[in-house]
Amino acid sequence: STELVIVVFGAVGGANLYFDVLQQFKQDGKLDWQDAVLIKKNSFGDAEIEQTEDPQGGEGALAGALAGALVGLLGGPLGVLVGMATGAAAGSAAAEGLDTGISEGVLSGVSARMKAETSAFVGLIDASLVDALQKIQTSLEGTSDAFFFHQPVNTSAVEKFKRG
């Protein structure tokens, strides 16, 4: 099964640092994920979504859609970084019709922590890897203030989204 993993960091660079470490594990063949995006909030509290890789089809845009939905649910303006962000842009538009199944507890937890000058990693991860991702986060220097959350993804919504 697939889980939505959201890790909120108390610094703008936290999500990038975390993603760089995960990327190394992926290159070593120890870890993989379906899709991941980074959300960054600037000093004004505006959110930007950065796609981590070039999305392939519906699945590649799904984390972008979930992140877009998350930002929309958290409120506040959304800017999409130029580059490989087309999936995130399409995703945030498509997210309006996506039943994300993100629980109220997650939303309130993320909302309380995603203030100005923060960042988050949002990924779709095989459920068997969630513990490994949490261990990686707790082992990183300077990320003790990070908030780690995961929950099963609404699989019927995921399949519907992939079909377009």
Protein backbone atom coordinates (compact mmCIF):
# COMPACT_ATOMS: atom_id res chain seq x y z
CA SER A 1 0.00 0.00 0.00
CA THR A 2 1.02 3.62 -0.50
CA GLU A 3 1.36 6.20 2.23
CA LEU A 4 1.43 9.96 2.06
CA VAL A 5 4.46 11.19 4.01
CA ILE A 6 4.68 14.85 5.05
CA VAL A 7 7.73 16.11 6.92
CA VAL A 8 7.59 19.77 7.96
CA PHE A 9 10.89 21.50 8.79
CA GLY A 10 11.34 24.67 10.83
CA ALA A 11 13.70 26.10 8.20
CA VAL A 12 13.34 26.76 4.48
CA GLY A 13 16.36 24.56 3.67
CA GLY A 14 15.25 21.59 5.78
CA ALA A 15 13.18 19.87 3.10
CA ASN A 16 16.02 20.20 0.56
CA LEU A 17 18.53 18.71 2.98
CA TYR A 18 16.19 15.79 3.70
CA PHE A 19 15.47 15.24 0.01
CA ASP A 20 19.19 15.26 -0.87
CA VAL A 21 19.80 12.47 1.67
CA LEU A 22 16.82 10.48 0.35
CA GLN A 23 18.10 10.97 -3.21
CA GLN A 24 21.43 9.42 -2.19
CA PHE A 25 19.64 6.38 -0.75
CA LYS A 26 17.62 6.12 -3.96
CA GLN A 27 20.78 6.19 -6.10
CA ASP A 28 22.26 3.45 -3.89
CA GLY A 29 19.15 1.34 -4.55
CA LYS A 30 18.14 1.31 -0.87
CA LEU A 31 15.02 3.42 -1.15
CA ASP A 32 12.47 4.51 -3.72
CA TRP A 33 9.28 6.54 -3.89
CA GLN A 34 6.51 7.08 -6.40
CA ASP A 35 6.64 10.84 -6.37
CA ALA A 36 7.76 13.67 -4.13
CA VAL A 37 7.57 17.45 -4.07
CA LEU A 38 8.90 20.13 -1.75
CA ILE A 39 6.82 22.98 -0.35
CA LYS A 40 8.61 26.14 0.77
CA LYS A 41 7.09 29.14 2.53
CA ASN A 42 8.95 32.43 2.16
CA SER A 43 9.14 35.22 4.74
CA PHE A 44 5.73 36.50 3.57
CA GLY A 45 4.16 33.07 4.11
CA ASP A 46 3.64 32.49 0.37
CA ALA A 47 4.02 28.83 -0.58
CA GLU A 48 5.95 27.48 -3.56
CA ILE A 49 5.81 23.89 -4.76
CA GLU A 50 8.95 22.45 -6.32
CA GLN A 51 8.71 19.21 -8.30
CA THR A 52 11.65 16.93 -7.46
CA GLU A 53 11.76 15.16 -10.81
CA ASP A 54 10.11 15.41 -14.20
CA PRO A 55 6.63 13.95 -13.73
CA GLN A 56 5.65 11.08 -16.00
CA GLY A 57 1.92 10.98 -16.62
CA GLY A 58 -0.73 11.10 -13.92
CA GLU A 59 1.30 9.35 -11.25
CA GLY A 60 4.16 11.83 -11.53
CA ALA A 61 1.80 14.73 -10.89
CA LEU A 62 0.05 13.11 -7.95
CA ALA A 63 2.34 14.38 -5.18
CA GLY A 64 2.05 17.80 -6.82
CA ALA A 65 -1.72 17.50 -6.67
CA LEU A 66 -1.62 16.44 -3.04
CA ALA A 67 0.79 19.26 -2.20
CA GLY A 68 -1.41 21.71 -4.10
CA ALA A 69 -4.44 20.47 -2.22
CA LEU A 70 -2.53 20.72 1.04
CA VAL A 71 -1.45 24.31 0.36
CA GLY A 72 -5.01 25.14 -0.69
CA LEU A 73 -6.41 23.62 2.48
CA LEU A 74 -3.82 25.45 4.58
CA GLY A 75 -4.77 28.71 2.90
CA GLY A 76 -2.47 31.34 1.50
CA PRO A 77 -1.16 32.12 -1.97
CA LEU A 78 0.56 29.46 -4.03
CA GLY A 79 3.45 30.09 -6.38
CA VAL A 80 4.96 27.33 -8.48
CA LEU A 81 8.70 27.35 -9.09
CA VAL A 82 9.68 27.43 -12.74
CA GLY A 83 11.37 24.35 -14.11
CA MET A 84 9.94 20.93 -13.49
CA ALA A 85 6.88 22.37 -11.84
CA THR A 86 4.34 21.74 -14.58
CA GLY A 87 3.18 18.65 -12.72
CA ALA A 88 2.69 20.69 -9.60
CA ALA A 89 0.78 23.38 -11.49
CA ALA A 90 -1.42 20.83 -13.22
CA GLY A 91 -1.63 19.00 -9.95
CA SER A 92 -2.86 21.96 -7.95
CA ALA A 93 -5.57 22.56 -10.56
CA ALA A 94 -6.55 18.89 -10.62
CA ALA A 95 -6.42 18.66 -6.83
CA GLU A 96 -9.69 20.51 -6.54
CA GLY A 97 -11.43 17.37 -7.81
CA LEU A 98 -9.21 15.01 -5.81
CA ASP A 99 -10.50 13.52 -2.58
CA THR A 100 -7.13 13.49 -0.86
CA GLY A 101 -8.34 11.81 2.29
CA ILE A 102 -5.87 13.95 4.26
CA SER A 103 -7.19 13.76 7.81
CA GLU A 104 -8.11 16.77 9.91
CA GLY A 105 -5.38 15.83 12.39
CA VAL A 106 -2.73 15.99 9.68
CA LEU A 107 -4.07 19.27 8.33
CA SER A 108 -4.12 20.95 11.72
CA GLY A 109 -0.66 19.58 12.57
CA VAL A 110 0.87 20.70 9.27
CA SER A 111 -0.98 24.02 9.37
CA ALA A 112 0.33 24.76 12.87
CA ARG A 113 3.91 24.16 11.71
CA MET A 114 3.95 25.55 8.15
CA LYS A 115 4.57 29.16 9.05
CA ALA A 116 6.75 31.64 7.17
CA GLU A 117 10.33 30.47 6.55
CA THR A 118 9.50 26.75 6.75
CA SER A 119 9.54 23.89 4.27
CA ALA A 120 8.02 20.45 3.83
CA PHE A 121 8.71 17.22 2.00
CA VAL A 122 5.54 15.62 0.58
CA GLY A 123 5.96 12.15 -0.88
CA LEU A 124 4.10 9.03 -1.89
CA ILE A 125 6.00 6.16 -0.35
CA ASP A 126 5.51 2.41 -0.11
CA ALA A 127 4.17 1.74 3.40
CA SER A 128 7.08 -0.62 4.14
CA LEU A 129 9.56 2.29 3.85
CA VAL A 130 7.88 4.77 6.20
CA ASP A 131 9.94 3.73 9.24
CA ALA A 132 13.18 4.12 7.26
CA LEU A 133 12.18 7.65 6.19
CA GLN A 134 11.40 8.60 9.77
CA LYS A 135 14.77 7.24 10.97
CA ILE A 136 16.56 9.26 8.27
CA GLN A 137 14.75 12.42 9.37
CA THR A 138 15.59 11.94 13.06
CA SER A 139 19.26 11.26 12.20
CA LEU A 140 19.76 14.55 10.33
CA GLU A 141 21.59 17.33 12.13
CA GLY A 142 19.45 20.36 12.85
CA THR A 143 16.09 18.78 12.03
CA SER A 144 15.02 17.95 15.57
CA ASP A 145 12.17 20.45 15.16
CA ALA A 146 10.77 18.52 12.18
CA PHE A 147 7.25 17.14 12.31
CA PHE A 148 6.85 13.72 10.62
CA PHE A 149 3.43 12.55 9.55
CA HIS A 150 2.20 9.70 7.41
CA GLN A 151 -1.13 8.16 6.57
CA PRO A 152 -2.49 5.70 3.99
CA VAL A 153 -3.47 7.31 0.71
CA ASN A 154 -7.03 7.10 -0.55
CA THR A 155 -6.23 4.49 -3.23
CA SER A 156 -9.48 4.88 -5.17
CA ALA A 157 -8.81 8.62 -5.53
CA VAL A 158 -5.24 7.86 -6.62
CA GLU A 159 -6.41 5.45 -9.32
CA LYS A 160 -9.06 7.91 -10.49
CA PHE A 161 -6.46 10.70 -10.64
CA LYS A 162 -4.04 8.54 -12.66
CA ARG A 163 -6.75 7.82 -15.23
CA GLY A 164 -7.40 11.56 -15.50
